[in-house]
Amino acid sequence: MSLIEVAGLVKEFRRPKRIDGPFGGLRTLLTRQYTSKLAVDGIDFSIGEGELVGYLGPNGAGKSTTVKMLAGILRPTAGRVEVAGVVPWRERERHARNIGVVFGQRSQLWWDLPLRDSLETVGRLYGVERTRYRRNITHFTDMLMLGPFLDTPVRQLSLGQRMRGDLAAAMLPEPRILFLDEPTIGLDIIARERMREFIATQNRVHGTSVVLTTHDLGDVERLCTRIILIDGGRVLYDGAVDELKTQFAPHRELVFHLAEGTTWQGVDLPGVECVRSGAAEPGVVSLRFAPKETQSPEIIAAVLARHRVTDLSITESALEGVIHRIYSGSEDG
């Protein structure tokens, strides 16, 4: 059963059209002419209970606008959106009890309060029962390493510390759905990995559904099994990460290091092409192949049957390169 349903979702922003020249400001006010921009242009998708979905696109694609409509912050211009059976912008209070939200550049914590007091306040606002509150705080403190700065005012926290505090605050009421908008932006490697581990655990162990927007494709490869790609306010792709690679980057590469004195004899298998054979690096052979035609174990067995090999590796298509290729194609079209 779908937890989030989006159909024909549209968001148009209208702004007064500025008129230049003498008394331009007054004329702008009186004429009521507007310019409009479609930030989201007829998006459809559904997300099931317990899914962890990457919602991706370049700057200005409509990602944050979509998340704000899902969170109930913005009202759609047209279309339908339901989250856990609730229309977000109509029933904001009821909706707020189902969701947690983390925006990378905006904090829900109280700036002058110690982090501990901010979390306490969030717990009371959401009516979190005390036993459950203490259990969650203990768990979050351990997983997100909050201990060293729980008594530090939020304004004195580093970005990585504040983001971990925001994530703990969002998850305190144990929401069914977590919306994350650039949650690891600007974080160091350790803080980023802590955040990823926490998100993965909440999804895997507690069944929390997660919608993640990010420019860090490391987040996507580490966390998501499904991605929705958008551009120009429209969906370009909706499906599994592996299927995306298969569809838009169908080739893999096997690299063999031949033993000294071994001469490359080649292999005759469908869809397998030798793209590098000892010229650039003696003793190293690279074979490009399409997994739909021939699987890597079959290629390895064929090579080992005719050659002495000291090492081998397989190179997968990088998600970043695949997505760049898709966006480049959409611009050309």
C-alpha atoms as a PDB file:
ATOM      1  CA  MET A   1       0.000   0.000   0.000  1.00  0.00           C
ATOM      2  CA  SER A   2       1.317   3.456  -0.892  1.00  0.00           C
ATOM      3  CA  LEU A   3       2.234   5.783   1.953  1.00  0.00           C
ATOM      4  CA  ILE A   4       2.793   8.785  -0.329  1.00  0.00           C
ATOM      5  CA  GLU A   5       0.653   9.437  -3.417  1.00  0.00           C
ATOM      6  CA  VAL A   6       1.477  12.228  -5.869  1.00  0.00           C
ATOM      7  CA  ALA A   7      -0.536  12.753  -9.069  1.00  0.00           C
ATOM      8  CA  GLY A   8      -0.303  15.601 -11.577  1.00  0.00           C
ATOM      9  CA  LEU A   9       1.484  17.765  -9.009  1.00  0.00           C
ATOM     10  CA  VAL A  10       2.105  21.343 -10.171  1.00  0.00           C
ATOM     11  CA  LYS A  11       3.619  24.339  -8.415  1.00  0.00           C
ATOM     12  CA  GLU A  12       3.685  27.698 -10.165  1.00  0.00           C
ATOM     13  CA  PHE A  13       5.308  30.731  -8.603  1.00  0.00           C
ATOM     14  CA  ARG A  14       3.917  34.121  -9.676  1.00  0.00           C
ATOM     15  CA  ARG A  15       5.737  37.382  -9.094  1.00  0.00           C
ATOM     16  CA  PRO A  16       4.757  40.957  -9.987  1.00  0.00           C
ATOM     17  CA  LYS A  17       6.283  41.977 -13.307  1.00  0.00           C
ATOM     18  CA  ARG A  18       8.679  44.840 -12.766  1.00  0.00           C
ATOM     19  CA  ILE A  19       8.211  47.877 -15.031  1.00  0.00           C
ATOM     20  CA  ASP A  20      11.316  49.999 -15.556  1.00  0.00           C
ATOM     21  CA  GLY A  21      11.447  53.731 -16.143  1.00  0.00           C
ATOM     22  CA  PRO A  22       9.985  56.763 -14.319  1.00  0.00           C
ATOM     23  CA  PHE A  23       7.464  55.769 -11.639  1.00  0.00           C
ATOM     24  CA  GLY A  24       8.186  52.139 -12.498  1.00  0.00           C
ATOM     25  CA  GLY A  25       7.618  50.958  -8.946  1.00  0.00           C
ATOM     26  CA  LEU A  26       4.184  52.585  -8.776  1.00  0.00           C
ATOM     27  CA  ARG A  27       3.213  51.269 -12.206  1.00  0.00           C
ATOM     28  CA  THR A  28       4.350  47.764 -11.177  1.00  0.00           C
ATOM     29  CA  LEU A  29       2.058  47.999  -8.141  1.00  0.00           C
ATOM     30  CA  LEU A  30      -0.952  49.285 -10.087  1.00  0.00           C
ATOM     31  CA  THR A  31      -0.856  47.215 -13.283  1.00  0.00           C
ATOM     32  CA  ARG A  32      -0.885  43.827 -11.549  1.00  0.00           C
ATOM     33  CA  GLN A  33       1.077  42.139 -14.318  1.00  0.00           C
ATOM     34  CA  TYR A  34       2.859  38.963 -13.310  1.00  0.00           C
ATOM     35  CA  THR A  35       5.622  36.663 -14.456  1.00  0.00           C
ATOM     36  CA  SER A  36       5.260  32.985 -13.676  1.00  0.00           C
ATOM     37  CA  LYS A  37       7.605  30.032 -13.321  1.00  0.00           C
ATOM     38  CA  LEU A  38       6.671  26.358 -13.199  1.00  0.00           C
ATOM     39  CA  ALA A  39       8.855  24.822 -10.492  1.00  0.00           C
ATOM     40  CA  VAL A  40       6.993  21.498 -10.599  1.00  0.00           C
ATOM     41  CA  ASP A  41       5.212  20.532 -13.802  1.00  0.00           C
ATOM     42  CA  GLY A  42       2.894  17.521 -13.505  1.00  0.00           C
ATOM     43  CA  ILE A  43       4.811  15.037 -11.344  1.00  0.00           C
ATOM     44  CA  ASP A  44       3.435  11.562 -10.556  1.00  0.00           C
ATOM     45  CA  PHE A  45       4.873   8.965  -8.187  1.00  0.00           C
ATOM     46  CA  SER A  46       3.980   6.806  -5.194  1.00  0.00           C
ATOM     47  CA  ILE A  47       6.161   5.640  -2.312  1.00  0.00           C
ATOM     48  CA  GLY A  48       5.420   2.584  -0.223  1.00  0.00           C
ATOM     49  CA  GLU A  49       5.770   1.953   3.483  1.00  0.00           C
ATOM     50  CA  GLY A  50       9.427   1.498   4.479  1.00  0.00           C
ATOM     51  CA  GLU A  51      10.966   2.690   1.192  1.00  0.00           C
ATOM     52  CA  LEU A  52      14.142   4.781   1.125  1.00  0.00           C
ATOM     53  CA  VAL A  53      13.989   6.872  -2.041  1.00  0.00           C
ATOM     54  CA  GLY A  54      16.521   9.304  -3.477  1.00  0.00           C
ATOM     55  CA  TYR A  55      14.800  12.310  -5.071  1.00  0.00           C
ATOM     56  CA  LEU A  56      17.422  13.816  -7.345  1.00  0.00           C
ATOM     57  CA  GLY A  57      17.904  16.612  -9.830  1.00  0.00           C
ATOM     58  CA  PRO A  58      20.118  19.599 -10.659  1.00  0.00           C
ATOM     59  CA  ASN A  59      19.676  22.999  -9.019  1.00  0.00           C
ATOM     60  CA  GLY A  60      16.283  24.449  -9.911  1.00  0.00           C
ATOM     61  CA  ALA A  61      14.836  21.074 -10.948  1.00  0.00           C
ATOM     62  CA  GLY A  62      11.997  21.274  -8.391  1.00  0.00           C
ATOM     63  CA  LYS A  63      13.317  18.924  -5.687  1.00  0.00           C
ATOM     64  CA  SER A  64      12.999  21.213  -2.668  1.00  0.00           C
ATOM     65  CA  THR A  65       9.670  22.593  -3.911  1.00  0.00           C
ATOM     66  CA  THR A  66       8.278  19.039  -4.088  1.00  0.00           C
ATOM     67  CA  VAL A  67       9.518  18.200  -0.595  1.00  0.00           C
ATOM     68  CA  LYS A  68       7.980  21.408   0.786  1.00  0.00           C
ATOM     69  CA  MET A  69       4.609  20.421  -0.710  1.00  0.00           C
ATOM     70  CA  LEU A  70       4.942  16.915   0.741  1.00  0.00           C
ATOM     71  CA  ALA A  71       5.785  18.459   4.115  1.00  0.00           C
ATOM     72  CA  GLY A  72       2.800  20.831   3.977  1.00  0.00           C
ATOM     73  CA  ILE A  73       4.903  24.005   3.833  1.00  0.00           C
ATOM     74  CA  LEU A  74       3.731  24.906   0.313  1.00  0.00           C
ATOM     75  CA  ARG A  75       0.289  24.516  -1.239  1.00  0.00           C
ATOM     76  CA  PRO A  76       0.233  22.994  -4.750  1.00  0.00           C
ATOM     77  CA  THR A  77      -1.078  25.007  -7.678  1.00  0.00           C
ATOM     78  CA  ALA A  78      -2.708  21.864  -9.083  1.00  0.00           C
ATOM     79  CA  GLY A  79      -2.670  18.107  -8.683  1.00  0.00           C
ATOM     80  CA  ARG A  80      -3.089  15.762  -5.752  1.00  0.00           C
ATOM     81  CA  VAL A  81      -0.749  14.861  -2.894  1.00  0.00           C
ATOM     82  CA  GLU A  82      -1.511  12.620   0.077  1.00  0.00           C
ATOM     83  CA  VAL A  83       0.894  11.515   2.786  1.00  0.00           C
ATOM     84  CA  ALA A  84      -0.300   8.731   5.093  1.00  0.00           C
ATOM     85  CA  GLY A  85      -3.871   9.503   4.015  1.00  0.00           C
ATOM     86  CA  VAL A  86      -3.535  13.209   4.850  1.00  0.00           C
ATOM     87  CA  VAL A  87      -3.523  16.181   2.469  1.00  0.00           C
ATOM     88  CA  PRO A  88      -0.485  17.985   3.944  1.00  0.00           C
ATOM     89  CA  TRP A  89      -1.499  21.611   3.430  1.00  0.00           C
ATOM     90  CA  ARG A  90      -5.080  21.069   4.614  1.00  0.00           C
ATOM     91  CA  GLU A  91      -4.352  19.239   7.884  1.00  0.00           C
ATOM     92  CA  ARG A  92      -0.960  20.557   8.913  1.00  0.00           C
ATOM     93  CA  GLU A  93      -1.183  19.657  12.611  1.00  0.00           C
ATOM     94  CA  ARG A  94      -2.281  16.064  11.963  1.00  0.00           C
ATOM     95  CA  HIS A  95       0.273  15.774   9.168  1.00  0.00           C
ATOM     96  CA  ALA A  96       3.101  17.057  11.388  1.00  0.00           C
ATOM     97  CA  ARG A  97       2.645  14.082  13.704  1.00  0.00           C
ATOM     98  CA  ASN A  98       3.394  11.656  10.858  1.00  0.00           C
ATOM     99  CA  ILE A  99       6.552  13.276   9.508  1.00  0.00           C
ATOM    100  CA  GLY A 100      10.034  14.418  10.430  1.00  0.00           C
ATOM    101  CA  VAL A 101      11.807  17.033   8.321  1.00  0.00           C
ATOM    102  CA  VAL A 102      15.473  18.062   8.100  1.00  0.00           C
ATOM    103  CA  PHE A 103      16.487  20.931   5.821  1.00  0.00           C
ATOM    104  CA  GLY A 104      20.246  21.195   5.424  1.00  0.00           C
ATOM    105  CA  GLN A 105      20.424  24.986   5.708  1.00  0.00           C
ATOM    106  CA  ARG A 106      17.614  25.566   8.248  1.00  0.00           C
ATOM    107  CA  SER A 107      17.493  24.391  11.844  1.00  0.00           C
ATOM    108  CA  GLN A 108      14.445  23.525  13.934  1.00  0.00           C
ATOM    109  CA  LEU A 109      16.502  23.844  17.121  1.00  0.00           C
ATOM    110  CA  TRP A 110      16.396  26.809  19.495  1.00  0.00           C
ATOM    111  CA  TRP A 111      19.470  28.919  18.786  1.00  0.00           C
ATOM    112  CA  ASP A 112      20.298  30.021  22.340  1.00  0.00           C
ATOM    113  CA  LEU A 113      19.332  26.829  24.160  1.00  0.00           C
ATOM    114  CA  PRO A 114      21.702  23.938  24.824  1.00  0.00           C
ATOM    115  CA  LEU A 115      21.001  21.029  22.469  1.00  0.00           C
ATOM    116  CA  ARG A 116      19.679  18.959  25.390  1.00  0.00           C
ATOM    117  CA  ASP A 117      17.035  21.607  26.173  1.00  0.00           C
ATOM    118  CA  SER A 118      16.071  21.931  22.494  1.00  0.00           C
ATOM    119  CA  LEU A 119      15.459  18.191  22.290  1.00  0.00           C
ATOM    120  CA  GLU A 120      13.504  18.311  25.547  1.00  0.00           C
ATOM    121  CA  THR A 121      11.303  21.073  24.129  1.00  0.00           C
ATOM    122  CA  VAL A 122      10.666  19.113  20.913  1.00  0.00           C
ATOM    123  CA  GLY A 123       9.695  16.075  22.962  1.00  0.00           C
ATOM    124  CA  ARG A 124       7.179  18.078  25.004  1.00  0.00           C
ATOM    125  CA  LEU A 125       5.718  19.817  21.933  1.00  0.00           C
ATOM    126  CA  TYR A 126       5.007  16.435  20.338  1.00  0.00           C
ATOM    127  CA  GLY A 127       3.806  14.859  23.574  1.00  0.00           C
ATOM    128  CA  VAL A 128       6.448  12.130  23.563  1.00  0.00           C
ATOM    129  CA  GLU A 129       5.903   9.899  26.600  1.00  0.00           C
ATOM    130  CA  ARG A 130       8.815  10.181  29.069  1.00  0.00           C
ATOM    131  CA  THR A 131       9.974   6.562  28.963  1.00  0.00           C
ATOM    132  CA  ARG A 132       9.962   6.644  25.174  1.00  0.00           C
ATOM    133  CA  TYR A 133      11.724  10.032  25.200  1.00  0.00           C
ATOM    134  CA  ARG A 134      14.554   8.771  27.438  1.00  0.00           C
ATOM    135  CA  ARG A 135      14.942   5.608  25.364  1.00  0.00           C
ATOM    136  CA  ASN A 136      15.152   7.590  22.117  1.00  0.00           C
ATOM    137  CA  ILE A 137      17.571  10.173  23.503  1.00  0.00           C
ATOM    138  CA  THR A 138      19.887   7.402  24.748  1.00  0.00           C
ATOM    139  CA  HIS A 139      19.744   5.677  21.360  1.00  0.00           C
ATOM    140  CA  PHE A 140      20.268   8.876  19.344  1.00  0.00           C
ATOM    141  CA  THR A 141      23.094  10.053  21.602  1.00  0.00           C
ATOM    142  CA  ASP A 142      24.918   6.790  21.019  1.00  0.00           C
ATOM    143  CA  MET A 143      24.339   6.511  17.257  1.00  0.00           C
ATOM    144  CA  LEU A 144      24.899  10.183  16.410  1.00  0.00           C
ATOM    145  CA  MET A 145      27.598  10.790  19.041  1.00  0.00           C
ATOM    146  CA  LEU A 146      25.711  13.704  20.631  1.00  0.00           C
ATOM    147  CA  GLY A 147      27.222  13.283  24.108  1.00  0.00           C
ATOM    148  CA  PRO A 148      30.150  15.743  23.853  1.00  0.00           C
ATOM    149  CA  PHE A 149      27.901  18.674  22.840  1.00  0.00           C
ATOM    150  CA  LEU A 150      24.484  17.974  24.423  1.00  0.00           C
ATOM    151  CA  ASP A 151      25.019  20.849  26.861  1.00  0.00           C
ATOM    152  CA  THR A 152      26.406  23.268  24.254  1.00  0.00           C
ATOM    153  CA  PRO A 153      24.148  26.112  22.991  1.00  0.00           C
ATOM    154  CA  VAL A 154      22.999  25.385  19.446  1.00  0.00           C
ATOM    155  CA  ARG A 155      24.558  28.639  18.140  1.00  0.00           C
ATOM    156  CA  GLN A 156      27.994  27.312  19.185  1.00  0.00           C
ATOM    157  CA  LEU A 157      27.672  23.975  17.398  1.00  0.00           C
ATOM    158  CA  SER A 158      29.544  23.193  14.201  1.00  0.00           C
ATOM    159  CA  LEU A 159      27.471  22.467  11.103  1.00  0.00           C
ATOM    160  CA  GLY A 160      28.007  18.719  11.486  1.00  0.00           C
ATOM    161  CA  GLN A 161      26.984  18.789  15.160  1.00  0.00           C
ATOM    162  CA  ARG A 162      23.895  20.889  14.430  1.00  0.00           C
ATOM    163  CA  MET A 163      22.816  18.588  11.595  1.00  0.00           C
ATOM    164  CA  ARG A 164      23.055  15.565  13.872  1.00  0.00           C
ATOM    165  CA  GLY A 165      21.040  17.430  16.490  1.00  0.00           C
ATOM    166  CA  ASP A 166      18.396  18.334  13.881  1.00  0.00           C
ATOM    167  CA  LEU A 167      18.135  14.705  12.793  1.00  0.00           C
ATOM    168  CA  ALA A 168      17.665  13.588  16.409  1.00  0.00           C
ATOM    169  CA  ALA A 169      14.943  16.217  16.886  1.00  0.00           C
ATOM    170  CA  ALA A 170      13.153  15.106  13.710  1.00  0.00           C
ATOM    171  CA  MET A 171      13.157  11.460  14.821  1.00  0.00           C
ATOM    172  CA  LEU A 172      12.215  11.989  18.490  1.00  0.00           C
ATOM    173  CA  PRO A 173       8.452  11.513  17.901  1.00  0.00           C
ATOM    174  CA  GLU A 174       9.192   8.389  15.820  1.00  0.00           C
ATOM    175  CA  PRO A 175       7.543   9.660  12.620  1.00  0.00           C
ATOM    176  CA  ARG A 176       6.445   7.244   9.908  1.00  0.00           C
ATOM    177  CA  ILE A 177       8.082   9.377   7.213  1.00  0.00           C
ATOM    178  CA  LEU A 178      11.326  11.346   7.178  1.00  0.00           C
ATOM    179  CA  PHE A 179      11.975  14.075   4.609  1.00  0.00           C
ATOM    180  CA  LEU A 180      15.662  14.934   4.252  1.00  0.00           C
ATOM    181  CA  ASP A 181      16.712  17.905   2.111  1.00  0.00           C
ATOM    182  CA  GLU A 182      20.519  17.958   1.681  1.00  0.00           C
ATOM    183  CA  PRO A 183      21.143  16.456   5.159  1.00  0.00           C
ATOM    184  CA  THR A 184      24.902  15.917   4.676  1.00  0.00           C
ATOM    185  CA  ILE A 185      25.765  19.203   2.950  1.00  0.00           C
ATOM    186  CA  GLY A 186      29.052  20.627   4.206  1.00  0.00           C
ATOM    187  CA  LEU A 187      29.728  17.755   6.628  1.00  0.00           C
ATOM    188  CA  ASP A 188      33.118  16.148   7.155  1.00  0.00           C
ATOM    189  CA  ILE A 189      33.626  12.460   6.345  1.00  0.00           C
ATOM    190  CA  ILE A 190      33.028  11.203   9.902  1.00  0.00           C
ATOM    191  CA  ALA A 191      29.852  13.251  10.462  1.00  0.00           C
ATOM    192  CA  ARG A 192      28.535  12.268   7.027  1.00  0.00           C
ATOM    193  CA  GLU A 193      29.023   8.563   7.688  1.00  0.00           C
ATOM    194  CA  ARG A 194      27.340   8.866  11.110  1.00  0.00           C
ATOM    195  CA  MET A 195      24.336  10.482   9.482  1.00  0.00           C
ATOM    196  CA  ARG A 196      24.161   7.804   6.777  1.00  0.00           C
ATOM    197  CA  GLU A 197      24.417   4.971   9.297  1.00  0.00           C
ATOM    198  CA  PHE A 198      21.672   6.482  11.436  1.00  0.00           C
ATOM    199  CA  ILE A 199      19.303   6.974   8.478  1.00  0.00           C
ATOM    200  CA  ALA A 200      19.912   3.421   7.229  1.00  0.00           C
ATOM    201  CA  THR A 201      19.247   1.981  10.702  1.00  0.00           C
ATOM    202  CA  GLN A 202      16.005   3.919  11.184  1.00  0.00           C
ATOM    203  CA  ASN A 203      14.795   2.670   7.823  1.00  0.00           C
ATOM    204  CA  ARG A 204      15.933  -0.938   8.221  1.00  0.00           C
ATOM    205  CA  VAL A 205      15.096  -1.542  11.898  1.00  0.00           C
ATOM    206  CA  HIS A 206      12.138   0.784  12.496  1.00  0.00           C
ATOM    207  CA  GLY A 207      10.632   0.823   9.002  1.00  0.00           C
ATOM    208  CA  THR A 208      10.771   4.604   8.668  1.00  0.00           C
ATOM    209  CA  SER A 209      10.044   5.700   5.099  1.00  0.00           C
ATOM    210  CA  VAL A 210      12.642   8.199   3.854  1.00  0.00           C
ATOM    211  CA  VAL A 211      12.620  10.683   0.983  1.00  0.00           C
ATOM    212  CA  LEU A 212      16.133  12.024   0.449  1.00  0.00           C
ATOM    213  CA  THR A 213      17.166  14.933  -1.747  1.00  0.00           C
ATOM    214  CA  THR A 214      20.895  15.430  -2.118  1.00  0.00           C
ATOM    215  CA  HIS A 215      23.680  16.433  -4.483  1.00  0.00           C
ATOM    216  CA  ASP A 216      26.002  13.940  -2.765  1.00  0.00           C
ATOM    217  CA  LEU A 217      25.584  10.761  -4.804  1.00  0.00           C
ATOM    218  CA  GLY A 218      27.572   8.929  -2.147  1.00  0.00           C
ATOM    219  CA  ASP A 219      24.451   9.308   0.028  1.00  0.00           C
ATOM    220  CA  VAL A 220      22.345   7.729  -2.708  1.00  0.00           C
ATOM    221  CA  GLU A 221      24.650   4.779  -3.404  1.00  0.00           C
ATOM    222  CA  ARG A 222      25.046   4.126   0.321  1.00  0.00           C
ATOM    223  CA  LEU A 223      21.356   4.393   1.240  1.00  0.00           C
ATOM    224  CA  CYS A 224      18.874   4.156  -1.642  1.00  0.00           C
ATOM    225  CA  THR A 225      17.594   1.230  -3.675  1.00  0.00           C
ATOM    226  CA  ARG A 226      15.236   3.437  -5.696  1.00  0.00           C
ATOM    227  CA  ILE A 227      15.720   6.889  -7.182  1.00  0.00           C
ATOM    228  CA  ILE A 228      13.437   9.422  -8.829  1.00  0.00           C
ATOM    229  CA  LEU A 229      15.250  11.782 -11.201  1.00  0.00           C
ATOM    230  CA  ILE A 230      13.621  15.068 -12.099  1.00  0.00           C
ATOM    231  CA  ASP A 231      14.574  18.003 -14.294  1.00  0.00           C
ATOM    232  CA  GLY A 232      12.562  21.038 -15.325  1.00  0.00           C
ATOM    233  CA  GLY A 233       9.905  20.008 -12.816  1.00  0.00           C
ATOM    234  CA  ARG A 234       9.267  16.660 -14.557  1.00  0.00           C
ATOM    235  CA  VAL A 235      10.217  13.059 -13.802  1.00  0.00           C
ATOM    236  CA  LEU A 236      12.936  11.658 -16.077  1.00  0.00           C
ATOM    237  CA  TYR A 237      13.415   8.303 -14.349  1.00  0.00           C
ATOM    238  CA  ASP A 238      11.784   6.383 -11.517  1.00  0.00           C
ATOM    239  CA  GLY A 239      13.206   3.003 -10.600  1.00  0.00           C
ATOM    240  CA  ALA A 240      16.005   0.970  -9.070  1.00  0.00           C
ATOM    241  CA  VAL A 241      19.567   2.298  -8.921  1.00  0.00           C
ATOM    242  CA  ASP A 242      20.934  -0.868 -10.555  1.00  0.00           C
ATOM    243  CA  GLU A 243      18.364  -0.697 -13.345  1.00  0.00           C
ATOM    244  CA  LEU A 244      19.324   2.927 -14.007  1.00  0.00           C
ATOM    245  CA  LYS A 245      22.933   1.872 -14.535  1.00  0.00           C
ATOM    246  CA  THR A 246      21.874  -1.030 -16.743  1.00  0.00           C
ATOM    247  CA  GLN A 247      19.623   1.184 -18.849  1.00  0.00           C
ATOM    248  CA  PHE A 248      21.923   4.181 -19.306  1.00  0.00           C
ATOM    249  CA  ALA A 249      25.383   2.660 -18.793  1.00  0.00           C
ATOM    250  CA  PRO A 250      25.042  -0.970 -19.910  1.00  0.00           C
ATOM    251  CA  HIS A 251      28.756  -1.820 -19.965  1.00  0.00           C
ATOM    252  CA  ARG A 252      31.151  -2.941 -17.231  1.00  0.00           C
ATOM    253  CA  GLU A 253      34.885  -3.459 -17.400  1.00  0.00           C
ATOM    254  CA  LEU A 254      37.047  -6.348 -16.187  1.00  0.00           C
ATOM    255  CA  VAL A 255      40.755  -5.669 -15.673  1.00  0.00           C
ATOM    256  CA  PHE A 256      43.215  -8.597 -15.661  1.00  0.00           C
ATOM    257  CA  HIS A 257      46.855  -8.475 -14.567  1.00  0.00           C
ATOM    258  CA  LEU A 258      48.689 -11.221 -16.452  1.00  0.00           C
ATOM    259  CA  ALA A 259      51.545 -13.154 -14.914  1.00  0.00           C
ATOM    260  CA  GLU A 260      55.031 -12.319 -16.206  1.00  0.00           C
ATOM    261  CA  GLY A 261      55.749 -14.029 -19.520  1.00  0.00           C
ATOM    262  CA  THR A 262      52.061 -14.608 -20.300  1.00  0.00           C
ATOM    263  CA  THR A 263      50.898 -13.539 -23.757  1.00  0.00           C
ATOM    264  CA  TRP A 264      47.347 -12.353 -24.253  1.00  0.00           C
ATOM    265  CA  GLN A 265      45.451 -14.872 -26.421  1.00  0.00           C
ATOM    266  CA  GLY A 266      42.051 -13.180 -26.355  1.00  0.00           C
ATOM    267  CA  VAL A 267      38.579 -14.573 -25.688  1.00  0.00           C
ATOM    268  CA  ASP A 268      35.663 -15.119 -28.038  1.00  0.00           C
ATOM    269  CA  LEU A 269      32.481 -14.300 -26.150  1.00  0.00           C
ATOM    270  CA  PRO A 270      29.404 -12.300 -27.244  1.00  0.00           C
ATOM    271  CA  GLY A 271      29.386  -8.657 -26.157  1.00  0.00           C
ATOM    272  CA  VAL A 272      33.007  -8.738 -24.888  1.00  0.00           C
ATOM    273  CA  GLU A 273      35.489  -6.242 -26.307  1.00  0.00           C
ATOM    274  CA  CYS A 274      39.176  -5.774 -25.488  1.00  0.00           C
ATOM    275  CA  VAL A 275      39.617  -2.035 -24.860  1.00  0.00           C
ATOM    276  CA  ARG A 276      43.182  -2.093 -23.498  1.00  0.00           C
ATOM    277  CA  SER A 277      45.795  -4.777 -24.068  1.00  0.00           C
ATOM    278  CA  GLY A 278      49.285  -4.132 -22.722  1.00  0.00           C
ATOM    279  CA  ALA A 279      50.073  -1.045 -24.790  1.00  0.00           C
ATOM    280  CA  ALA A 280      49.509   1.543 -22.074  1.00  0.00           C
ATOM    281  CA  GLU A 281      50.478  -0.791 -19.219  1.00  0.00           C
ATOM    282  CA  PRO A 282      52.331  -4.052 -19.999  1.00  0.00           C
ATOM    283  CA  GLY A 283      50.628  -7.167 -18.677  1.00  0.00           C
ATOM    284  CA  VAL A 284      47.288  -5.440 -18.086  1.00  0.00           C
ATOM    285  CA  VAL A 285      44.220  -6.309 -20.177  1.00  0.00           C
ATOM    286  CA  SER A 286      40.831  -4.569 -19.936  1.00  0.00           C
ATOM    287  CA  LEU A 287      37.684  -6.178 -21.287  1.00  0.00           C
ATOM    288  CA  ARG A 288      34.480  -4.205 -21.706  1.00  0.00           C
ATOM    289  CA  PHE A 289      31.289  -6.284 -21.599  1.00  0.00           C
ATOM    290  CA  ALA A 290      27.509  -6.034 -21.445  1.00  0.00           C
ATOM    291  CA  PRO A 291      26.169  -8.142 -18.529  1.00  0.00           C
ATOM    292  CA  LYS A 292      22.942  -8.784 -20.438  1.00  0.00           C
ATOM    293  CA  GLU A 293      24.959 -10.706 -23.042  1.00  0.00           C
ATOM    294  CA  THR A 294      27.734 -12.300 -20.994  1.00  0.00           C
ATOM    295  CA  GLN A 295      28.142 -12.403 -17.210  1.00  0.00           C
ATOM    296  CA  SER A 296      31.471 -11.653 -15.514  1.00  0.00           C
ATOM    297  CA  PRO A 297      31.987 -15.232 -14.085  1.00  0.00           C
ATOM    298  CA  GLU A 298      31.820 -16.627 -17.636  1.00  0.00           C
ATOM    299  CA  ILE A 299      34.422 -14.105 -18.845  1.00  0.00           C
ATOM    300  CA  ILE A 300      36.724 -14.778 -15.894  1.00  0.00           C
ATOM    301  CA  ALA A 301      36.519 -18.540 -16.466  1.00  0.00           C
ATOM    302  CA  ALA A 302      37.344 -18.108 -20.169  1.00  0.00           C
ATOM    303  CA  VAL A 303      40.358 -15.904 -19.413  1.00  0.00           C
ATOM    304  CA  LEU A 304      41.700 -18.178 -16.659  1.00  0.00           C
ATOM    305  CA  ALA A 305      41.394 -21.208 -18.945  1.00  0.00           C
ATOM    306  CA  ARG A 306      43.942 -19.694 -21.367  1.00  0.00           C
ATOM    307  CA  HIS A 307      46.066 -17.325 -19.244  1.00  0.00           C
ATOM    308  CA  ARG A 308      47.954 -17.088 -15.965  1.00  0.00           C
ATOM    309  CA  VAL A 309      46.472 -14.177 -13.995  1.00  0.00           C
ATOM    310  CA  THR A 310      47.883 -12.566 -10.842  1.00  0.00           C
ATOM    311  CA  ASP A 311      45.020 -10.153 -10.125  1.00  0.00           C
ATOM    312  CA  LEU A 312      41.679  -8.994 -11.496  1.00  0.00           C
ATOM    313  CA  SER A 313      39.076  -6.332 -10.738  1.00  0.00           C
ATOM    314  CA  ILE A 314      35.708  -5.190 -12.055  1.00  0.00           C
ATOM    315  CA  THR A 315      34.834  -1.550 -12.679  1.00  0.00           C
ATOM    316  CA  GLU A 316      31.206  -0.518 -12.228  1.00  0.00           C
ATOM    317  CA  SER A 317      29.694   2.556 -13.838  1.00  0.00           C
ATOM    318  CA  ALA A 318      29.740   5.471 -11.394  1.00  0.00           C
ATOM    319  CA  LEU A 319      26.262   6.754 -10.579  1.00  0.00           C
ATOM    320  CA  GLU A 320      27.460  10.333 -10.987  1.00  0.00           C
ATOM    321  CA  GLY A 321      28.537   9.691 -14.568  1.00  0.00           C
ATOM    322  CA  VAL A 322      25.283   7.912 -15.410  1.00  0.00           C
ATOM    323  CA  ILE A 323      23.140  10.764 -14.093  1.00  0.00           C
ATOM    324  CA  HIS A 324      25.291  13.359 -15.845  1.00  0.00           C
ATOM    325  CA  ARG A 325      24.743  11.442 -19.098  1.00  0.00           C
ATOM    326  CA  ILE A 326      20.959  11.464 -18.573  1.00  0.00           C
ATOM    327  CA  TYR A 327      20.821  15.197 -17.892  1.00  0.00           C
ATOM    328  CA  SER A 328      23.077  15.935 -20.841  1.00  0.00           C
ATOM    329  CA  GLY A 329      20.733  13.960 -23.060  1.00  0.00           C
ATOM    330  CA  SER A 330      17.668  15.798 -21.765  1.00  0.00           C
ATOM    331  CA  GLU A 331      19.320  19.144 -22.511  1.00  0.00           C
ATOM    332  CA  ASP A 332      20.183  18.012 -26.064  1.00  0.00           C
ATOM    333  CA  GLY A 333      16.635  16.859 -26.640  1.00  0.00           C
END
